């Protein structure tokens, strides 16, 4: 009789223990899932990263092209240093275009 009463009185206290055991048991599974999620790249993330890389490349090409055009205009004005700069910039543009994205 006393044992039954003790079990009934202790039941609410054991609920916390069951919850703690559940947390301890499921923690490694959740941690493994999180690590796998961190180490893999979804298709959406890959597409977003590729788009970002393409935009950065286009921005760099645009900047180099503008600098090359300015140098070429100054070259036509007789500035030989700018002629060399225009050639260097042209080579940089070609090298950037040849690189895979």
Protein backbone atom coordinates (compact mmCIF):
# COMPACT_ATOMS: atom_id res chain seq x y z
CA UNK A 1 0.00 0.00 0.00
CA UNK A 2 2.75 2.43 0.95
CA UNK A 3 4.63 1.54 -2.23
CA UNK A 4 1.59 2.39 -4.34
CA UNK A 5 1.19 5.73 -2.63
CA UNK A 6 4.89 6.52 -3.07
CA UNK A 7 4.72 5.63 -6.77
CA UNK A 8 1.67 7.83 -7.27
CA UNK A 9 3.29 10.72 -5.42
CA UNK A 10 6.59 10.32 -7.28
CA UNK A 11 5.01 10.08 -10.75
CA UNK A 12 4.85 13.86 -11.35
CA UNK A 13 8.46 14.17 -10.29
CA UNK A 14 9.58 11.49 -12.74
CA UNK A 15 8.07 13.39 -15.68
CA UNK A 16 11.04 15.75 -15.65
CA UNK A 17 13.44 12.84 -15.65
CA UNK A 18 11.76 11.29 -18.69
CA UNK A 19 12.00 14.62 -20.49
CA UNK A 20 15.68 14.94 -19.61
CA UNK A 21 16.38 11.39 -20.77
CA UNK A 22 14.58 12.09 -24.05
CA UNK A 23 16.68 15.22 -24.57
CA UNK A 24 19.92 13.39 -23.85
CA UNK A 25 19.03 10.52 -26.17
CA UNK A 26 17.95 12.69 -29.12
CA UNK A 27 20.76 15.26 -28.82
CA UNK A 28 23.39 13.27 -30.79
CA UNK A 29 20.92 12.65 -33.62
CA UNK A 30 20.03 16.34 -33.82
CA UNK A 31 23.69 17.35 -33.67
CA UNK A 32 24.59 14.94 -36.48
CA UNK A 33 21.75 16.28 -38.61
CA UNK A 34 22.94 19.85 -38.04
CA UNK A 35 26.53 18.99 -39.00
CA UNK A 36 25.34 17.32 -42.20
CA UNK A 37 23.23 20.38 -42.99
CA UNK A 38 26.22 22.66 -42.47
CA UNK A 39 28.52 20.55 -44.66
CA UNK A 40 26.19 20.14 -47.63
CA UNK A 41 25.04 22.79 -50.07
CA UNK A 42 21.49 22.76 -51.33
CA UNK A 43 20.72 23.45 -54.98
CA UNK A 44 19.20 26.80 -54.02
CA UNK A 45 22.37 27.81 -52.18
CA UNK A 46 24.52 26.68 -55.10
CA UNK A 47 22.41 28.72 -57.53
CA UNK A 48 22.55 31.77 -55.28
CA UNK A 49 26.35 31.47 -54.93
CA UNK A 50 26.77 31.06 -58.69
CA UNK A 51 24.59 34.09 -59.36
CA UNK A 52 26.62 36.14 -56.89
CA UNK A 53 29.88 35.03 -58.53
CA UNK A 54 28.54 35.95 -61.98
CA UNK A 55 27.42 39.40 -60.79
CA UNK A 56 30.81 40.05 -59.18
CA UNK A 57 32.56 38.96 -62.37
CA UNK A 58 30.36 41.23 -64.49
CA UNK A 59 31.02 44.15 -62.16
CA UNK A 60 34.76 43.59 -62.38
CA UNK A 61 34.61 43.29 -66.17
CA UNK A 62 32.58 46.50 -66.37
CA UNK A 63 35.08 48.36 -64.19
CA UNK A 64 38.05 47.10 -66.22
CA UNK A 65 36.30 47.99 -69.48
CA UNK A 66 35.59 51.54 -68.32
CA UNK A 67 39.20 51.98 -67.18
CA UNK A 68 40.45 50.56 -70.50
CA UNK A 69 38.19 52.92 -72.48
CA UNK A 70 39.43 55.95 -70.50
CA UNK A 71 43.04 54.88 -71.01
CA UNK A 72 42.42 54.32 -74.74
CA UNK A 73 40.91 57.79 -75.07
CA UNK A 74 43.93 59.34 -73.38
CA UNK A 75 46.16 57.18 -75.59
CA UNK A 76 44.51 58.65 -78.68
CA UNK A 77 45.32 62.05 -77.17
CA UNK A 78 49.02 61.18 -77.28
CA UNK A 79 49.73 59.81 -73.79
CA UNK A 80 51.98 56.78 -74.34
CA UNK A 81 51.74 55.68 -70.68
CA UNK A 82 47.98 55.35 -71.10
CA UNK A 83 48.52 53.25 -74.25
CA UNK A 84 50.47 50.74 -72.16
CA UNK A 85 47.80 50.87 -69.46
CA UNK A 86 45.06 50.19 -72.03
CA UNK A 87 46.96 47.12 -73.27
CA UNK A 88 47.45 45.82 -69.73
CA UNK A 89 43.77 46.32 -68.96
CA UNK A 90 42.83 44.52 -72.18
CA UNK A 91 44.96 41.54 -71.11
CA UNK A 92 43.31 41.55 -67.68
CA UNK A 93 39.87 41.51 -69.31
CA UNK A 94 40.87 38.61 -71.56
CA UNK A 95 42.28 36.68 -68.59
CA UNK A 96 39.12 37.26 -66.58
CA UNK A 97 36.93 36.15 -69.46
CA UNK A 98 39.00 32.95 -69.84
CA UNK A 99 38.54 31.97 -66.17
CA UNK A 100 35.68 29.59 -65.39
CA UNK A 101 33.03 30.90 -63.05
